[in-house]
Amino acid sequence: MAPENFTWVTEFILTGVSDRPELQIPLFFVFLVIYGLTMAENLGIITLTTVDSRLQTPMYFFLRHLAMVNLGNSTVIAPKMLINFLATKKTISYYECATQLGGFLVFIVAEVSMLAVMAYDRYVAICNPLLYMVVLSRQVCLLLVSLTYLYSFSTAIVMSSSVFSVSYCSSNVINHFYCDSVPLLALSCSDVSFPEMIIFVSAGTNLVCSMTIVLVSYFNIVLSILRIRSSEGRKKAFSTCASHMTAVIVFYGTLLFMYLQPRSSHSLDTDKMASVFYTLVIPMLNPMIYSLRNKDVKAALKRFLTNVCCSIKSM
């Protein structure tokens, strides 16, 4: 067919989480609460780890950047999603879609990498506690975070460029609540083997490399903990990495569930539910995971609130 017979796509229609009209308003309020909590919790972590002098260690430096990544990931997805719950026509322009996909990829790749960096941080803290502040000096921490963002930006540019290098014509209904690579490529009217290969290689490399770092780090952490003779010492050592371990299990568990499903049971609706979890629910859960079991964060919050109350009273 000649190219001029195609109607080239200038905007896409997002089907959303559900296409049932009676669920749009309830879902709007559910996800508004989730996004509101995500904003409040992650901004709280960023504020506390910035202003509190007792939270100026590498662990909390990386936690601050994880909170920034979680906040960014939710903000790329949630506002447009909330608008579409109330809109009659759930459209997104071609360039807005490309921007959303690029932003999502930046933050999701950054989160994968940041969790690996934080696993290395826990490895150094438990296996080499006397050298912790030397091995993870401020310069090294800045370097690790800078490389994480540089890698995530470059990966996002390559992947999003490959997805939008193909032609989109006639069909423009994306079976998702945001612009994701797989449902987008399903609409293409040209050969998608190249972008699919780019996505497969990039996603595989990101997951394998980060999971290898996490597994090797925790393998050595477990060996070090087992060498500790006192049960109190083992309990204390384990508690320092319990929050990170929980965050890793929740995040990687969701990704593995999504990518390791057999083709016979795989569906885009299942992908939607998994995507809701790692784009909106996990960014809300992470601050809870890191603060509920962390005495330092709870003490810092208490000091911060006390200082705010004192400042208000003195006005």
Protein backbone atom coordinates (compact mmCIF):
# COMPACT_ATOMS: atom_id res chain seq x y z
CA MET A 1 0.00 0.00 0.00
CA ALA A 2 1.33 3.44 -0.84
CA PRO A 3 2.30 5.65 2.10
CA GLU A 4 -0.13 8.38 1.01
CA ASN A 5 -3.09 6.02 1.64
CA PHE A 6 -2.30 5.93 5.37
CA THR A 7 -3.72 8.33 7.94
CA TRP A 8 -0.71 9.27 10.03
CA VAL A 9 -1.31 9.40 13.78
CA THR A 10 -1.02 12.82 15.47
CA GLU A 11 -2.54 11.75 18.78
CA PHE A 12 -3.23 8.56 20.74
CA ILE A 13 -6.18 7.43 22.84
CA LEU A 14 -5.39 5.80 26.20
CA THR A 15 -7.91 3.16 27.31
CA GLY A 16 -6.91 3.66 30.95
CA VAL A 17 -6.94 1.23 33.86
CA SER A 18 -10.58 0.32 33.16
CA ASP A 19 -13.01 1.22 30.38
CA ARG A 20 -16.06 0.81 32.63
CA PRO A 21 -17.74 4.27 33.03
CA GLU A 22 -19.06 3.58 36.55
CA LEU A 23 -15.51 2.97 37.84
CA GLN A 24 -13.92 6.20 36.55
CA ILE A 25 -14.84 8.45 39.53
CA PRO A 26 -14.02 5.86 42.25
CA LEU A 27 -10.70 5.07 40.55
CA PHE A 28 -9.95 8.81 40.28
CA PHE A 29 -10.22 9.22 44.06
CA VAL A 30 -8.25 6.00 44.77
CA PHE A 31 -5.32 7.09 42.59
CA LEU A 32 -5.57 10.70 43.79
CA VAL A 33 -5.02 9.45 47.35
CA ILE A 34 -2.15 7.19 46.20
CA TYR A 35 -0.46 10.06 44.33
CA GLY A 36 -1.03 12.48 47.22
CA LEU A 37 0.57 10.06 49.68
CA THR A 38 3.45 9.43 47.26
CA MET A 39 4.12 13.18 46.97
CA ALA A 40 3.92 13.79 50.74
CA GLU A 41 6.03 10.77 51.74
CA ASN A 42 8.80 11.20 49.18
CA LEU A 43 9.03 14.96 49.70
CA GLY A 44 9.23 14.19 53.43
CA ILE A 45 12.16 11.78 52.89
CA ILE A 46 13.92 14.31 50.63
CA THR A 47 13.43 17.11 53.19
CA LEU A 48 14.53 15.07 56.22
CA THR A 49 17.66 13.64 54.56
CA THR A 50 18.60 17.15 53.39
CA VAL A 51 18.08 19.22 56.55
CA ASP A 52 18.83 16.73 59.36
CA SER A 53 22.52 16.65 60.28
CA ARG A 54 22.27 13.08 61.60
CA LEU A 55 21.08 11.74 58.25
CA GLN A 56 24.15 12.82 56.27
CA THR A 57 25.54 9.32 55.60
CA PRO A 58 25.84 7.53 52.23
CA MET A 59 22.80 5.38 53.02
CA TYR A 60 20.51 8.40 53.41
CA PHE A 61 22.15 10.19 50.47
CA PHE A 62 21.10 7.28 48.21
CA LEU A 63 17.69 7.08 49.91
CA ARG A 64 17.11 10.78 49.06
CA HIS A 65 17.82 10.08 45.39
CA LEU A 66 15.59 6.99 45.41
CA ALA A 67 12.80 9.22 46.76
CA MET A 68 13.46 11.74 43.96
CA VAL A 69 13.28 8.94 41.39
CA ASN A 70 10.05 7.56 42.90
CA LEU A 71 8.53 11.04 42.90
CA GLY A 72 9.54 11.59 39.27
CA ASN A 73 8.21 8.20 38.18
CA SER A 74 4.76 8.85 39.69
CA THR A 75 4.61 12.44 38.41
CA VAL A 76 5.29 11.36 34.82
CA ILE A 77 2.29 8.98 34.96
CA ALA A 78 -0.27 10.08 37.58
CA PRO A 79 -1.38 13.62 36.52
CA LYS A 80 -2.36 12.59 32.97
CA MET A 81 -3.95 9.41 34.33
CA LEU A 82 -6.07 11.42 36.81
CA ILE A 83 -7.16 13.87 34.10
CA ASN A 84 -8.22 10.99 31.85
CA PHE A 85 -10.45 9.52 34.57
CA LEU A 86 -12.56 12.70 34.32
CA ALA A 87 -12.17 13.37 30.58
CA THR A 88 -14.65 12.24 27.95
CA LYS A 89 -11.93 11.93 25.30
CA LYS A 90 -8.81 10.30 26.77
CA THR A 91 -6.29 11.58 24.23
CA ILE A 92 -2.58 12.32 24.38
CA SER A 93 -0.68 14.05 21.58
CA TYR A 94 2.08 12.29 19.64
CA TYR A 95 4.86 14.42 21.18
CA GLU A 96 3.33 14.33 24.67
CA CYS A 97 3.26 10.53 24.39
CA ALA A 98 6.93 10.46 23.33
CA THR A 99 7.83 12.73 26.27
CA GLN A 100 5.90 10.58 28.74
CA LEU A 101 7.58 7.39 27.50
CA GLY A 102 11.01 9.03 27.72
CA GLY A 103 10.35 10.32 31.26
CA PHE A 104 9.02 6.97 32.41
CA LEU A 105 12.11 5.17 31.05
CA VAL A 106 14.48 7.67 32.73
CA PHE A 107 12.96 7.07 36.15
CA ILE A 108 12.35 3.31 35.92
CA VAL A 109 15.94 2.65 34.72
CA ALA A 110 17.23 5.02 37.43
CA GLU A 111 15.26 3.10 40.08
CA VAL A 112 16.67 -0.25 38.93
CA SER A 113 20.21 1.18 39.05
CA MET A 114 19.68 3.02 42.36
CA LEU A 115 18.53 -0.16 44.10
CA ALA A 116 21.73 -1.86 42.89
CA VAL A 117 23.85 1.06 44.20
CA MET A 118 22.03 0.86 47.54
CA ALA A 119 22.74 -2.90 47.72
CA TYR A 120 26.46 -2.11 47.29
CA ASP A 121 26.14 0.53 50.03
CA ARG A 122 24.71 -2.10 52.43
CA TYR A 123 27.48 -4.54 51.44
CA VAL A 124 30.20 -2.01 52.33
CA ALA A 125 28.42 -0.99 55.57
CA ILE A 126 28.16 -4.58 56.85
CA CYS A 127 31.20 -6.27 55.34
CA ASN A 128 33.66 -3.35 55.74
CA PRO A 129 32.16 -1.11 58.47
CA LEU A 130 35.49 0.48 59.45
CA LEU A 131 36.11 1.61 55.85
CA TYR A 132 32.49 2.57 55.12
CA MET A 133 32.98 6.36 55.08
CA VAL A 134 36.28 5.97 53.19
CA VAL A 135 35.04 3.61 50.46
CA LEU A 136 31.79 5.58 50.05
CA SER A 137 33.16 9.09 50.37
CA ARG A 138 31.06 12.05 49.23
CA GLN A 139 32.91 12.11 45.89
CA VAL A 140 32.23 8.39 45.29
CA CYS A 141 28.55 8.80 46.23
CA LEU A 142 28.19 11.73 43.82
CA LEU A 143 29.94 9.71 41.10
CA LEU A 144 27.64 6.68 41.58
CA VAL A 145 24.49 8.83 41.50
CA SER A 146 25.74 10.83 38.48
CA LEU A 147 26.50 7.62 36.56
CA THR A 148 23.04 6.28 37.47
CA TYR A 149 21.30 9.36 36.03
CA LEU A 150 23.60 9.50 32.99
CA TYR A 151 22.94 5.83 32.22
CA SER A 152 19.17 6.21 32.70
CA PHE A 153 19.00 9.28 30.44
CA SER A 154 21.06 7.65 27.67
CA THR A 155 19.02 4.42 27.88
CA ALA A 156 15.74 6.37 27.77
CA ILE A 157 16.87 8.36 24.72
CA VAL A 158 17.92 5.22 22.82
CA MET A 159 14.77 3.22 23.71
CA SER A 160 12.21 6.01 23.17
CA SER A 161 13.89 7.06 19.90
CA SER A 162 13.71 3.49 18.61
CA VAL A 163 10.01 3.19 19.57
CA PHE A 164 9.13 6.44 17.75
CA SER A 165 11.37 5.71 14.77
CA VAL A 166 8.65 3.43 13.36
CA SER A 167 5.46 4.62 11.64
CA TYR A 168 2.09 4.86 13.37
CA CYS A 169 -0.94 5.04 11.10
CA SER A 170 -4.71 4.49 11.32
CA SER A 171 -4.95 2.69 14.69
CA ASN A 172 -4.19 4.97 17.62
CA VAL A 173 -5.86 3.30 20.66
CA ILE A 174 -3.22 2.35 23.27
CA ASN A 175 -4.44 -0.43 25.57
CA HIS A 176 -2.80 1.11 28.63
CA PHE A 177 -3.08 4.06 31.05
CA TYR A 178 0.20 5.64 29.86
CA CYS A 179 2.46 5.51 26.81
CA ASP A 180 4.48 2.30 27.20
CA SER A 181 6.72 0.72 24.57
CA VAL A 182 4.98 -2.66 24.14
CA PRO A 183 1.38 -1.43 23.57
CA LEU A 184 2.75 1.39 21.37
CA LEU A 185 4.69 -0.97 19.09
CA ALA A 186 1.56 -3.13 18.79
CA LEU A 187 -0.02 -0.19 16.88
CA SER A 188 2.82 0.32 14.41
CA CYS A 189 2.19 -0.24 10.71
CA SER A 190 5.87 -0.85 9.92
CA ASP A 191 8.53 -3.41 10.86
CA VAL A 192 9.15 -3.29 14.64
CA SER A 193 11.87 -5.93 14.88
CA PHE A 194 14.63 -3.33 15.48
CA PRO A 195 12.93 -1.42 18.34
CA GLU A 196 11.82 -4.73 19.88
CA MET A 197 15.44 -5.92 19.83
CA ILE A 198 16.62 -2.62 21.41
CA ILE A 199 13.99 -2.92 24.17
CA PHE A 200 14.79 -6.60 24.82
CA VAL A 201 18.56 -6.00 25.01
CA SER A 202 18.22 -2.85 27.16
CA ALA A 203 15.67 -4.33 29.57
CA GLY A 204 17.61 -7.61 29.81
CA THR A 205 20.92 -5.81 30.43
CA ASN A 206 19.41 -3.53 33.08
CA LEU A 207 17.73 -6.36 34.97
CA VAL A 208 20.61 -8.88 34.75
CA CYS A 209 23.33 -6.37 35.73
CA SER A 210 21.38 -4.82 38.61
CA MET A 211 20.14 -8.17 39.95
CA THR A 212 23.69 -9.57 39.77
CA ILE A 213 24.97 -6.65 41.89
CA VAL A 214 22.10 -7.10 44.36
CA LEU A 215 22.52 -10.90 44.64
CA VAL A 216 26.33 -10.79 44.98
CA SER A 217 26.06 -8.00 47.57
CA TYR A 218 23.49 -9.87 49.65
CA PHE A 219 25.34 -13.17 49.31
CA ASN A 220 28.38 -11.52 50.93
CA ILE A 221 26.18 -9.74 53.48
CA VAL A 222 24.61 -13.04 54.58
CA LEU A 223 28.07 -14.64 54.88
CA SER A 224 29.27 -11.72 57.03
CA ILE A 225 26.18 -11.84 59.25
CA LEU A 226 26.61 -15.60 59.79
CA ARG A 227 30.19 -14.99 60.98
CA ILE A 228 28.94 -12.73 63.78
CA ARG A 229 28.88 -14.79 66.97
CA SER A 230 26.35 -12.90 69.07
CA SER A 231 22.67 -13.11 68.19
CA GLU A 232 22.29 -9.42 69.09
CA GLY A 233 25.05 -8.52 66.63
CA ARG A 234 23.44 -10.59 63.87
CA LYS A 235 20.05 -8.99 64.55
CA LYS A 236 21.54 -5.47 64.41
CA ALA A 237 23.44 -6.20 61.19
CA PHE A 238 20.35 -7.69 59.54
CA SER A 239 18.14 -4.75 60.60
CA THR A 240 20.41 -2.30 58.73
CA CYS A 241 19.59 -3.92 55.39
CA ALA A 242 16.06 -5.25 56.06
CA SER A 243 14.33 -2.17 54.59
CA HIS A 244 16.37 -2.26 51.39
CA MET A 245 15.87 -6.01 51.07
CA THR A 246 12.08 -5.53 51.36
CA ALA A 247 12.10 -2.77 48.70
CA VAL A 248 14.21 -4.95 46.37
CA ILE A 249 11.92 -7.98 46.77
CA VAL A 250 8.77 -5.92 46.09
CA PHE A 251 10.24 -4.10 43.06
CA TYR A 252 12.06 -6.99 41.37
CA GLY A 253 9.24 -9.39 42.26
CA THR A 254 6.81 -7.20 40.29
CA LEU A 255 9.16 -6.94 37.29
CA LEU A 256 9.90 -10.68 37.26
CA PHE A 257 6.18 -11.47 37.52
CA MET A 258 5.60 -9.25 34.51
CA TYR A 259 8.43 -10.51 32.29
CA LEU A 260 8.59 -14.21 33.24
CA GLN A 261 4.94 -15.07 32.62
CA PRO A 262 4.35 -17.83 30.05
CA ARG A 263 3.05 -16.45 26.74
CA SER A 264 -0.16 -18.48 27.08
CA SER A 265 -1.21 -16.60 30.24
CA HIS A 266 0.35 -13.22 29.34
CA SER A 267 -1.99 -10.32 28.58
CA LEU A 268 -1.85 -6.55 28.36
CA ASP A 269 -4.44 -6.35 31.17
CA THR A 270 -2.03 -8.23 33.46
CA ASP A 271 0.72 -5.82 32.37
CA LYS A 272 -1.56 -2.91 33.32
CA MET A 273 -2.01 -4.21 36.86
CA ALA A 274 1.73 -4.82 37.26
CA SER A 275 2.42 -1.34 35.83
CA VAL A 276 0.04 0.24 38.36
CA PHE A 277 2.05 -1.46 41.08
CA TYR A 278 5.56 -0.40 40.03
CA THR A 279 4.70 3.09 38.73
CA LEU A 280 2.27 4.21 41.46
CA VAL A 281 2.05 1.79 44.40
CA ILE A 282 5.77 1.04 44.93
CA PRO A 283 6.74 4.78 44.98
CA MET A 284 4.12 5.16 47.74
CA LEU A 285 5.34 2.08 49.66
CA ASN A 286 9.10 2.75 49.55
CA PRO A 287 9.10 5.70 52.01
CA MET A 288 6.96 3.61 54.39
CA ILE A 289 9.34 0.64 54.09
CA TYR A 290 12.37 2.82 54.82
CA SER A 291 10.83 4.87 57.64
CA LEU A 292 8.57 2.53 59.64
CA ARG A 293 11.46 0.24 60.65
CA ASN A 294 14.06 3.02 60.82
CA LYS A 295 14.62 4.69 64.19
CA ASP A 296 16.86 7.39 62.67
CA VAL A 297 14.20 8.53 60.19
CA LYS A 298 11.46 8.51 62.85
CA ALA A 299 13.69 10.49 65.24
CA ALA A 300 14.55 12.97 62.45
CA LEU A 301 10.84 13.44 61.67
CA LYS A 302 10.12 14.09 65.36
CA ARG A 303 12.93 16.68 65.54
CA PHE A 304 11.75 18.33 62.32
CA LEU A 305 8.13 18.60 63.49
CA THR A 306 9.27 19.93 66.90
CA ASN A 307 11.38 22.63 65.20
CA VAL A 308 8.49 23.59 62.91
CA CYS A 309 6.08 23.85 65.87
CA CYS A 310 8.59 25.97 67.84
CA SER A 311 9.08 28.25 64.82
CA ILE A 312 5.32 28.73 64.44
CA LYS A 313 4.86 29.50 68.15
CA SER A 314 7.66 32.07 68.11
CA MET A 315 6.11 33.99 65.20
